[in-house]
């Protein structure tokens, strides 16, 4: 994932930053809690018309 750099008018940077923070806290949640967090993040991502950063990473790996 890219360097943390949330920008005020770039919602994709907000989503990327939140996922990065959550990734570091993953061990704090059980699987059911993590599923709920992922659902909430997916809804936020969709509402902000952004792309799931994990999808962006997968696309980047395929083009290498």
PDB file of N, CA and C in Angstrom:
ATOM      1  N   UNK A   1       0.842  -1.171   0.000  1.00  0.00           N
ATOM      2  CA  UNK A   1       0.000   0.000   0.000  1.00  0.00           C
ATOM      3  C   UNK A   1       0.890   1.237   0.000  1.00  0.00           C
ATOM      4  N   UNK A   2       0.349   2.298  -0.517  1.00  0.00           N
ATOM      5  CA  UNK A   2       1.123   3.531  -0.625  1.00  0.00           C
ATOM      6  C   UNK A   2       1.403   4.154   0.738  1.00  0.00           C
ATOM      7  N   UNK A   3       2.316   5.095   0.768  1.00  0.00           N
ATOM      8  CA  UNK A   3       2.638   5.821   1.989  1.00  0.00           C
ATOM      9  C   UNK A   3       1.376   6.518   2.504  1.00  0.00           C
ATOM     10  N   UNK A   4       1.206   6.545   3.810  1.00  0.00           N
ATOM     11  CA  UNK A   4       0.045   7.224   4.379  1.00  0.00           C
ATOM     12  C   UNK A   4       0.128   8.705   4.070  1.00  0.00           C
ATOM     13  N   UNK A   5      -0.901   9.204   3.429  1.00  0.00           N
ATOM     14  CA  UNK A   5      -0.929  10.603   3.062  1.00  0.00           C
ATOM     15  C   UNK A   5      -2.370  11.013   2.760  1.00  0.00           C
ATOM     16  N   UNK A   6      -3.253  10.981   3.785  1.00  0.00           N
ATOM     17  CA  UNK A   6      -4.636  11.354   3.509  1.00  0.00           C
ATOM     18  C   UNK A   6      -4.737  12.821   3.096  1.00  0.00           C
ATOM     19  N   UNK A   7      -5.474  13.040   2.025  1.00  0.00           N
ATOM     20  CA  UNK A   7      -5.628  14.390   1.484  1.00  0.00           C
ATOM     21  C   UNK A   7      -7.085  14.815   1.645  1.00  0.00           C
ATOM     22  N   UNK A   8      -7.345  16.080   1.985  1.00  0.00           N
ATOM     23  CA  UNK A   8      -8.694  16.533   2.300  1.00  0.00           C
ATOM     24  C   UNK A   8      -9.751  16.271   1.223  1.00  0.00           C
ATOM     25  N   UNK A   9      -9.404  16.367  -0.024  1.00  0.00           N
ATOM     26  CA  UNK A   9     -10.405  16.240  -1.090  1.00  0.00           C
ATOM     27  C   UNK A   9     -10.196  14.997  -1.937  1.00  0.00           C
ATOM     28  N   UNK A  10      -9.512  13.989  -1.379  1.00  0.00           N
ATOM     29  CA  UNK A  10      -9.264  12.738  -2.092  1.00  0.00           C
ATOM     30  C   UNK A  10      -9.699  11.557  -1.227  1.00  0.00           C
ATOM     31  N   UNK A  11     -10.997  11.208  -1.295  1.00  0.00           N
ATOM     32  CA  UNK A  11     -11.520  10.133  -0.447  1.00  0.00           C
ATOM     33  C   UNK A  11     -10.760   8.813  -0.554  1.00  0.00           C
ATOM     34  N   UNK A  12     -10.185   8.515  -1.707  1.00  0.00           N
ATOM     35  CA  UNK A  12      -9.441   7.260  -1.828  1.00  0.00           C
ATOM     36  C   UNK A  12      -8.289   7.222  -0.831  1.00  0.00           C
ATOM     37  N   UNK A  13      -7.674   8.365  -0.559  1.00  0.00           N
ATOM     38  CA  UNK A  13      -6.580   8.399   0.412  1.00  0.00           C
ATOM     39  C   UNK A  13      -7.089   8.144   1.827  1.00  0.00           C
ATOM     40  N   UNK A  14      -8.332   8.506   2.111  1.00  0.00           N
ATOM     41  CA  UNK A  14      -8.914   8.246   3.428  1.00  0.00           C
ATOM     42  C   UNK A  14      -9.095   6.745   3.613  1.00  0.00           C
ATOM     43  N   UNK A  15      -9.668   6.116   2.581  1.00  0.00           N
ATOM     44  CA  UNK A  15      -9.911   4.672   2.635  1.00  0.00           C
ATOM     45  C   UNK A  15      -8.584   3.925   2.787  1.00  0.00           C
ATOM     46  N   UNK A  16      -7.595   4.304   2.006  1.00  0.00           N
ATOM     47  CA  UNK A  16      -6.281   3.650   2.088  1.00  0.00           C
ATOM     48  C   UNK A  16      -5.692   3.766   3.489  1.00  0.00           C
ATOM     49  N   UNK A  17      -5.812   4.947   4.091  1.00  0.00           N
ATOM     50  CA  UNK A  17      -5.271   5.188   5.425  1.00  0.00           C
ATOM     51  C   UNK A  17      -5.987   4.338   6.470  1.00  0.00           C
ATOM     52  N   UNK A  18      -7.303   4.281   6.377  1.00  0.00           N
ATOM     53  CA  UNK A  18      -8.064   3.475   7.336  1.00  0.00           C
ATOM     54  C   UNK A  18      -7.731   1.993   7.227  1.00  0.00           C
ATOM     55  N   UNK A  19      -7.609   1.488   5.987  1.00  0.00           N
ATOM     56  CA  UNK A  19      -7.273   0.077   5.821  1.00  0.00           C
ATOM     57  C   UNK A  19      -5.881  -0.218   6.364  1.00  0.00           C
ATOM     58  N   UNK A  20      -4.967   0.692   6.158  1.00  0.00           N
ATOM     59  CA  UNK A  20      -3.611   0.486   6.680  1.00  0.00           C
ATOM     60  C   UNK A  20      -3.634   0.407   8.210  1.00  0.00           C
ATOM     61  N   UNK A  21      -4.366   1.300   8.848  1.00  0.00           N
ATOM     62  CA  UNK A  21      -4.467   1.282  10.309  1.00  0.00           C
ATOM     63  C   UNK A  21      -5.148   0.003  10.788  1.00  0.00           C
ATOM     64  N   UNK A  22      -6.224  -0.379  10.124  1.00  0.00           N
ATOM     65  CA  UNK A  22      -6.930  -1.606  10.512  1.00  0.00           C
ATOM     66  C   UNK A  22      -6.053  -2.837  10.336  1.00  0.00           C
ATOM     67  N   UNK A  23      -5.254  -2.846   9.293  1.00  0.00           N
ATOM     68  CA  UNK A  23      -4.376  -3.990   9.046  1.00  0.00           C
ATOM     69  C   UNK A  23      -3.437  -4.222  10.232  1.00  0.00           C
ATOM     70  N   UNK A  24      -2.979  -3.158  10.843  1.00  0.00           N
ATOM     71  CA  UNK A  24      -2.081  -3.266  11.992  1.00  0.00           C
ATOM     72  C   UNK A  24      -2.816  -3.712  13.252  1.00  0.00           C
ATOM     73  N   UNK A  25      -4.137  -3.543  13.271  1.00  0.00           N
ATOM     74  CA  UNK A  25      -4.920  -3.913  14.447  1.00  0.00           C
ATOM     75  C   UNK A  25      -5.693  -5.226  14.243  1.00  0.00           C
ATOM     76  N   UNK A  26      -5.450  -5.922  13.143  1.00  0.00           N
ATOM     77  CA  UNK A  26      -6.228  -7.114  12.798  1.00  0.00           C
ATOM     78  C   UNK A  26      -6.261  -8.143  13.911  1.00  0.00           C
ATOM     79  N   UNK A  27      -5.181  -8.342  14.605  1.00  0.00           N
ATOM     80  CA  UNK A  27      -5.106  -9.357  15.659  1.00  0.00           C
ATOM     81  C   UNK A  27      -5.982  -9.029  16.873  1.00  0.00           C
ATOM     82  N   UNK A  28      -6.473  -7.811  16.951  1.00  0.00           N
ATOM     83  CA  UNK A  28      -7.310  -7.397  18.072  1.00  0.00           C
ATOM     84  C   UNK A  28      -8.759  -7.866  17.933  1.00  0.00           C
ATOM     85  N   UNK A  29      -9.136  -8.387  16.769  1.00  0.00           N
ATOM     86  CA  UNK A  29     -10.526  -8.737  16.489  1.00  0.00           C
ATOM     87  C   UNK A  29     -10.677 -10.212  16.175  1.00  0.00           C
ATOM     88  N   UNK A  30     -11.808 -10.790  16.590  1.00  0.00           N
ATOM     89  CA  UNK A  30     -12.084 -12.161  16.172  1.00  0.00           C
ATOM     90  C   UNK A  30     -12.643 -12.127  14.743  1.00  0.00           C
ATOM     91  N   UNK A  31     -12.852 -13.284  14.158  1.00  0.00           N
ATOM     92  CA  UNK A  31     -13.266 -13.336  12.755  1.00  0.00           C
ATOM     93  C   UNK A  31     -14.609 -12.659  12.509  1.00  0.00           C
ATOM     94  N   UNK A  32     -15.563 -12.819  13.421  1.00  0.00           N
ATOM     95  CA  UNK A  32     -16.875 -12.184  13.247  1.00  0.00           C
ATOM     96  C   UNK A  32     -16.766 -10.667  13.316  1.00  0.00           C
ATOM     97  N   UNK A  33     -15.983 -10.175  14.258  1.00  0.00           N
ATOM     98  CA  UNK A  33     -15.782  -8.724  14.360  1.00  0.00           C
ATOM     99  C   UNK A  33     -15.091  -8.192  13.107  1.00  0.00           C
ATOM    100  N   UNK A  34     -14.095  -8.941  12.622  1.00  0.00           N
ATOM    101  CA  UNK A  34     -13.364  -8.504  11.442  1.00  0.00           C
ATOM    102  C   UNK A  34     -14.285  -8.455  10.217  1.00  0.00           C
ATOM    103  N   UNK A  35     -15.185  -9.420  10.114  1.00  0.00           N
ATOM    104  CA  UNK A  35     -16.161  -9.412   9.017  1.00  0.00           C
ATOM    105  C   UNK A  35     -17.033  -8.165   9.069  1.00  0.00           C
ATOM    106  N   UNK A  36     -17.451  -7.768  10.259  1.00  0.00           N
ATOM    107  CA  UNK A  36     -18.265  -6.559  10.402  1.00  0.00           C
ATOM    108  C   UNK A  36     -17.472  -5.312  10.008  1.00  0.00           C
ATOM    109  N   UNK A  37     -16.222  -5.262  10.419  1.00  0.00           N
ATOM    110  CA  UNK A  37     -15.365  -4.134  10.040  1.00  0.00           C
ATOM    111  C   UNK A  37     -15.205  -4.084   8.526  1.00  0.00           C
ATOM    112  N   UNK A  38     -14.969  -5.231   7.910  1.00  0.00           N
ATOM    113  CA  UNK A  38     -14.810  -5.276   6.452  1.00  0.00           C
ATOM    114  C   UNK A  38     -16.084  -4.844   5.748  1.00  0.00           C
ATOM    115  N   UNK A  39     -17.246  -5.245   6.275  1.00  0.00           N
ATOM    116  CA  UNK A  39     -18.511  -4.798   5.691  1.00  0.00           C
ATOM    117  C   UNK A  39     -18.637  -3.286   5.768  1.00  0.00           C
ATOM    118  N   UNK A  40     -18.356  -2.732   6.937  1.00  0.00           N
ATOM    119  CA  UNK A  40     -18.459  -1.280   7.101  1.00  0.00           C
ATOM    120  C   UNK A  40     -17.493  -0.548   6.168  1.00  0.00           C
ATOM    121  N   UNK A  41     -16.289  -1.070   6.040  1.00  0.00           N
ATOM    122  CA  UNK A  41     -15.317  -0.445   5.142  1.00  0.00           C
ATOM    123  C   UNK A  41     -15.776  -0.551   3.685  1.00  0.00           C
ATOM    124  N   UNK A  42     -16.354  -1.675   3.307  1.00  0.00           N
ATOM    125  CA  UNK A  42     -16.858  -1.828   1.935  1.00  0.00           C
ATOM    126  C   UNK A  42     -17.973  -0.827   1.662  1.00  0.00           C
ATOM    127  N   UNK A  43     -18.868  -0.644   2.630  1.00  0.00           N
ATOM    128  CA  UNK A  43     -19.949   0.328   2.443  1.00  0.00           C
ATOM    129  C   UNK A  43     -19.394   1.745   2.336  1.00  0.00           C
ATOM    130  N   UNK A  44     -18.426   2.084   3.168  1.00  0.00           N
ATOM    131  CA  UNK A  44     -17.800   3.409   3.081  1.00  0.00           C
ATOM    132  C   UNK A  44     -17.103   3.596   1.738  1.00  0.00           C
ATOM    133  N   UNK A  45     -16.384   2.571   1.316  1.00  0.00           N
ATOM    134  CA  UNK A  45     -15.666   2.637   0.047  1.00  0.00           C
ATOM    135  C   UNK A  45     -16.643   2.888  -1.095  1.00  0.00           C
ATOM    136  N   UNK A  46     -17.744   2.149  -1.094  1.00  0.00           N
ATOM    137  CA  UNK A  46     -18.748   2.310  -2.145  1.00  0.00           C
ATOM    138  C   UNK A  46     -19.416   3.684  -2.077  1.00  0.00           C
ATOM    139  N   UNK A  47     -19.782   4.128  -0.878  1.00  0.00           N
ATOM    140  CA  UNK A  47     -20.454   5.418  -0.716  1.00  0.00           C
ATOM    141  C   UNK A  47     -19.575   6.575  -1.180  1.00  0.00           C
ATOM    142  N   UNK A  48     -18.275   6.426  -0.982  1.00  0.00           N
ATOM    143  CA  UNK A  48     -17.337   7.473  -1.400  1.00  0.00           C
ATOM    144  C   UNK A  48     -16.880   7.299  -2.850  1.00  0.00           C
ATOM    145  N   UNK A  49     -17.431   6.265  -3.514  1.00  0.00           N
ATOM    146  CA  UNK A  49     -17.073   5.964  -4.906  1.00  0.00           C
ATOM    147  C   UNK A  49     -15.573   5.754  -5.072  1.00  0.00           C
ATOM    148  N   UNK A  50     -15.011   4.985  -4.130  1.00  0.00           N
ATOM    149  CA  UNK A  50     -13.591   4.662  -4.159  1.00  0.00           C
ATOM    150  C   UNK A  50     -13.406   3.207  -4.566  1.00  0.00           C
ATOM    151  N   UNK A  51     -12.155   2.780  -4.585  1.00  0.00           N
ATOM    152  CA  UNK A  51     -11.795   1.409  -4.928  1.00  0.00           C
ATOM    153  C   UNK A  51     -11.166   0.765  -3.702  1.00  0.00           C
ATOM    154  N   UNK A  52     -11.487  -0.498  -3.473  1.00  0.00           N
ATOM    155  CA  UNK A  52     -10.861  -1.237  -2.379  1.00  0.00           C
ATOM    156  C   UNK A  52      -9.361  -1.275  -2.639  1.00  0.00           C
ATOM    157  N   UNK A  53      -8.528  -0.767  -1.712  1.00  0.00           N
ATOM    158  CA  UNK A  53      -7.085  -0.738  -1.946  1.00  0.00           C
ATOM    159  C   UNK A  53      -6.480  -2.120  -2.191  1.00  0.00           C
ATOM    160  N   UNK A  54      -7.077  -3.165  -1.629  1.00  0.00           N
ATOM    161  CA  UNK A  54      -6.569  -4.508  -1.874  1.00  0.00           C
ATOM    162  C   UNK A  54      -6.752  -4.884  -3.341  1.00  0.00           C
ATOM    163  N   UNK A  55      -7.844  -4.451  -3.924  1.00  0.00           N
ATOM    164  CA  UNK A  55      -8.078  -4.683  -5.340  1.00  0.00           C
ATOM    165  C   UNK A  55      -7.021  -3.945  -6.163  1.00  0.00           C
ATOM    166  N   UNK A  56      -6.699  -2.735  -5.742  1.00  0.00           N
ATOM    167  CA  UNK A  56      -5.673  -1.965  -6.451  1.00  0.00           C
ATOM    168  C   UNK A  56      -4.330  -2.670  -6.399  1.00  0.00           C
ATOM    169  N   UNK A  57      -3.991  -3.262  -5.239  1.00  0.00           N
ATOM    170  CA  UNK A  57      -2.722  -3.981  -5.115  1.00  0.00           C
ATOM    171  C   UNK A  57      -2.701  -5.204  -6.014  1.00  0.00           C
ATOM    172  N   UNK A  58      -3.821  -5.921  -6.092  1.00  0.00           N
ATOM    173  CA  UNK A  58      -3.887  -7.117  -6.934  1.00  0.00           C
ATOM    174  C   UNK A  58      -3.718  -6.755  -8.399  1.00  0.00           C
ATOM    175  N   UNK A  59      -4.332  -5.667  -8.821  1.00  0.00           N
ATOM    176  CA  UNK A  59      -4.191  -5.219 -10.203  1.00  0.00           C
ATOM    177  C   UNK A  59      -2.749  -4.851 -10.487  1.00  0.00           C
ATOM    178  N   UNK A  60      -2.089  -4.188  -9.532  1.00  0.00           N
ATOM    179  CA  UNK A  60      -0.696  -3.818  -9.698  1.00  0.00           C
ATOM    180  C   UNK A  60       0.210  -5.013  -9.828  1.00  0.00           C
ATOM    181  N   UNK A  61      -0.058  -6.073  -9.066  1.00  0.00           N
ATOM    182  CA  UNK A  61       0.771  -7.290  -9.134  1.00  0.00           C
ATOM    183  C   UNK A  61       0.581  -8.006 -10.473  1.00  0.00           C
ATOM    184  N   UNK A  62      -0.635  -7.959 -11.007  1.00  0.00           N
ATOM    185  CA  UNK A  62      -0.899  -8.633 -12.287  1.00  0.00           C
ATOM    186  C   UNK A  62      -0.186  -7.938 -13.431  1.00  0.00           C
ATOM    187  N   UNK A  63       0.005  -6.623 -13.322  1.00  0.00           N
ATOM    188  CA  UNK A  63       0.627  -5.895 -14.423  1.00  0.00           C
ATOM    189  C   UNK A  63       2.146  -5.961 -14.386  1.00  0.00           C
ATOM    190  N   UNK A  64       2.709  -6.565 -13.325  1.00  0.00           N
ATOM    191  CA  UNK A  64       4.178  -6.638 -13.213  1.00  0.00           C
ATOM    192  C   UNK A  64       4.735  -7.750 -14.082  1.00  0.00           C
TER     193      UNK A  64
END
